[in-house]
Every structure is written in C-alpha cells, then in structure tokens.
C-alpha cells in the first residue's frame, strides 16, 4: 500500500505540474492573440463568402493552378483546408 501511495503522490505532482504548464501556455497564447491577423479570426462561413468574391464564375478548375481555389489554398494551412472542403468554390 505504501508503494501505491508513493505512486499516487508522484502522479498528483505530475498532474499539478502539467496543469500549471497548461495554464501558463493559455496565458501566453491569450496575451499574444492580438498578434494574429484578423483574417485568421474570421468564421469559416465568412471566409468562404469572401473567397467566392475573389474569382470569376464559372471557374474552370482545370484551367490553371494559379487562379481561383488553387491559389487561395496556397496562402496558408487554414485557407487550404477551407478551399478544399468547400465544394461551392470548385
């Protein structure tokens, strides 16, 4: 039983340390949120509407990878996820 109590104490210490690190990380992130460009804070639906306005309709997906959704998907990871997951852009 003493060994189990010792293990529990170690686990509680580890848990406490992990919670403290998590709280510090959240505080750091929250204090730097102003550094993120506002475009990254837009809801996906708004971003899609903006994307719809950026290229001519109808868009020929096979015409060029330097236009339309192909180009928007090259900007950053989030934009790639949004463009690839939105059939109405294609």
C-alpha atoms as a PDB file:
ATOM      1  CA  UNK A   1       0.000   0.000   0.000  1.00  0.00           C
ATOM      2  CA  UNK A   2       2.923   2.343   0.703  1.00  0.00           C
ATOM      3  CA  UNK A   3       4.165   1.846  -2.869  1.00  0.00           C
ATOM      4  CA  UNK A   4       0.736   2.722  -4.240  1.00  0.00           C
ATOM      5  CA  UNK A   5       0.574   5.820  -2.063  1.00  0.00           C
ATOM      6  CA  UNK A   6       4.003   6.845  -3.340  1.00  0.00           C
ATOM      7  CA  UNK A   7       2.889   6.341  -6.956  1.00  0.00           C
ATOM      8  CA  UNK A   8      -0.279   8.375  -6.327  1.00  0.00           C
ATOM      9  CA  UNK A   9       1.779  11.203  -4.847  1.00  0.00           C
ATOM     10  CA  UNK A  10       4.098  11.214  -7.891  1.00  0.00           C
ATOM     11  CA  UNK A  11       1.126  11.221 -10.258  1.00  0.00           C
ATOM     12  CA  UNK A  12      -0.541  14.063  -8.387  1.00  0.00           C
ATOM     13  CA  UNK A  13       2.693  16.057  -8.571  1.00  0.00           C
ATOM     14  CA  UNK A  14       2.952  15.376 -12.311  1.00  0.00           C
ATOM     15  CA  UNK A  15      -0.678  16.352 -12.808  1.00  0.00           C
ATOM     16  CA  UNK A  16      -0.180  19.570 -10.888  1.00  0.00           C
ATOM     17  CA  UNK A  17       2.894  20.411 -12.974  1.00  0.00           C
ATOM     18  CA  UNK A  18       1.038  19.671 -16.226  1.00  0.00           C
ATOM     19  CA  UNK A  19      -1.907  21.858 -15.186  1.00  0.00           C
ATOM     20  CA  UNK A  20       0.457  24.716 -14.321  1.00  0.00           C
ATOM     21  CA  UNK A  21       2.202  24.427 -17.708  1.00  0.00           C
ATOM     22  CA  UNK A  22      -1.174  24.349 -19.473  1.00  0.00           C
ATOM     23  CA  UNK A  23      -2.323  27.476 -17.635  1.00  0.00           C
ATOM     24  CA  UNK A  24       0.932  29.279 -18.494  1.00  0.00           C
ATOM     25  CA  UNK A  25       0.587  28.280 -22.147  1.00  0.00           C
ATOM     26  CA  UNK A  26      -3.005  29.521 -22.276  1.00  0.00           C
ATOM     27  CA  UNK A  27      -1.988  32.800 -20.644  1.00  0.00           C
ATOM     28  CA  UNK A  28       0.851  33.221 -23.156  1.00  0.00           C
ATOM     29  CA  UNK A  29      -1.460  32.490 -26.092  1.00  0.00           C
ATOM     30  CA  UNK A  30      -4.121  34.861 -24.800  1.00  0.00           C
ATOM     31  CA  UNK A  31      -1.617  37.655 -24.282  1.00  0.00           C
ATOM     32  CA  UNK A  32      -0.418  37.304 -27.886  1.00  0.00           C
ATOM     33  CA  UNK A  33      -3.758  36.862 -29.640  1.00  0.00           C
ATOM     34  CA  UNK A  34      -3.578  40.446 -30.888  1.00  0.00           C
ATOM     35  CA  UNK A  35      -0.588  39.448 -32.996  1.00  0.00           C
ATOM     36  CA  UNK A  36      -2.723  37.117 -35.121  1.00  0.00           C
ATOM     37  CA  UNK A  37      -4.008  38.774 -38.279  1.00  0.00           C
ATOM     38  CA  UNK A  38      -7.751  39.491 -38.090  1.00  0.00           C
ATOM     39  CA  UNK A  39      -8.356  37.341 -41.179  1.00  0.00           C
ATOM     40  CA  UNK A  40      -7.464  34.275 -39.103  1.00  0.00           C
ATOM     41  CA  UNK A  41     -10.225  35.101 -36.648  1.00  0.00           C
ATOM     42  CA  UNK A  42     -12.999  35.096 -39.241  1.00  0.00           C
ATOM     43  CA  UNK A  43     -15.541  32.295 -39.125  1.00  0.00           C
ATOM     44  CA  UNK A  44     -15.181  29.783 -41.939  1.00  0.00           C
ATOM     45  CA  UNK A  45     -18.512  30.794 -43.466  1.00  0.00           C
ATOM     46  CA  UNK A  46     -17.393  34.424 -43.817  1.00  0.00           C
ATOM     47  CA  UNK A  47     -14.074  33.357 -45.300  1.00  0.00           C
ATOM     48  CA  UNK A  48     -15.888  31.229 -47.885  1.00  0.00           C
ATOM     49  CA  UNK A  49     -18.098  34.169 -48.861  1.00  0.00           C
ATOM     50  CA  UNK A  50     -15.004  36.332 -49.335  1.00  0.00           C
ATOM     51  CA  UNK A  51     -13.407  33.583 -51.413  1.00  0.00           C
ATOM     52  CA  UNK A  52     -16.497  33.455 -53.633  1.00  0.00           C
ATOM     53  CA  UNK A  53     -15.989  37.119 -54.434  1.00  0.00           C
ATOM     54  CA  UNK A  54     -12.350  36.724 -55.470  1.00  0.00           C
ATOM     55  CA  UNK A  55     -12.702  34.908 -58.768  1.00  0.00           C
ATOM     56  CA  UNK A  56     -14.938  34.869 -61.802  1.00  0.00           C
ATOM     57  CA  UNK A  57     -17.802  32.443 -62.206  1.00  0.00           C
ATOM     58  CA  UNK A  58     -17.919  29.927 -63.711  1.00  0.00           C
ATOM     59  CA  UNK A  59     -14.446  28.887 -62.684  1.00  0.00           C
ATOM     60  CA  UNK A  60     -12.716  26.194 -64.706  1.00  0.00           C
ATOM     61  CA  UNK A  61     -10.836  24.132 -62.138  1.00  0.00           C
ATOM     62  CA  UNK A  62      -8.646  22.605 -64.857  1.00  0.00           C
ATOM     63  CA  UNK A  63      -7.633  25.927 -66.432  1.00  0.00           C
ATOM     64  CA  UNK A  64      -4.843  26.998 -64.085  1.00  0.00           C
ATOM     65  CA  UNK A  65      -3.453  26.197 -60.666  1.00  0.00           C
ATOM     66  CA  UNK A  66      -2.520  29.878 -60.333  1.00  0.00           C
ATOM     67  CA  UNK A  67      -6.104  31.080 -60.044  1.00  0.00           C
ATOM     68  CA  UNK A  68      -9.243  30.509 -58.039  1.00  0.00           C
ATOM     69  CA  UNK A  69      -9.329  27.971 -55.208  1.00  0.00           C
ATOM     70  CA  UNK A  70      -5.914  26.593 -56.151  1.00  0.00           C
ATOM     71  CA  UNK A  71      -4.282  29.950 -55.490  1.00  0.00           C
ATOM     72  CA  UNK A  72      -6.257  30.633 -52.304  1.00  0.00           C
ATOM     73  CA  UNK A  73      -5.259  27.208 -50.972  1.00  0.00           C
ATOM     74  CA  UNK A  74      -1.600  28.151 -51.237  1.00  0.00           C
ATOM     75  CA  UNK A  75      -1.857  31.062 -48.797  1.00  0.00           C
ATOM     76  CA  UNK A  76      -1.821  29.091 -45.552  1.00  0.00           C
ATOM     77  CA  UNK A  77      -2.921  25.842 -43.942  1.00  0.00           C
ATOM     78  CA  UNK A  78      -6.329  27.132 -42.873  1.00  0.00           C
ATOM     79  CA  UNK A  79      -7.150  28.589 -46.275  1.00  0.00           C
ATOM     80  CA  UNK A  80      -6.157  25.282 -47.888  1.00  0.00           C
ATOM     81  CA  UNK A  81      -8.476  23.406 -45.530  1.00  0.00           C
ATOM     82  CA  UNK A  82     -11.316  25.821 -46.251  1.00  0.00           C
ATOM     83  CA  UNK A  83     -10.923  25.798 -50.034  1.00  0.00           C
ATOM     84  CA  UNK A  84     -10.549  22.032 -50.291  1.00  0.00           C
ATOM     85  CA  UNK A  85     -13.527  21.365 -48.025  1.00  0.00           C
ATOM     86  CA  UNK A  86     -15.931  23.750 -49.749  1.00  0.00           C
ATOM     87  CA  UNK A  87     -17.430  22.239 -52.931  1.00  0.00           C
ATOM     88  CA  UNK A  88     -19.136  25.507 -53.885  1.00  0.00           C
ATOM     89  CA  UNK A  89     -15.726  27.074 -54.583  1.00  0.00           C
ATOM     90  CA  UNK A  90     -14.963  24.482 -57.241  1.00  0.00           C
END
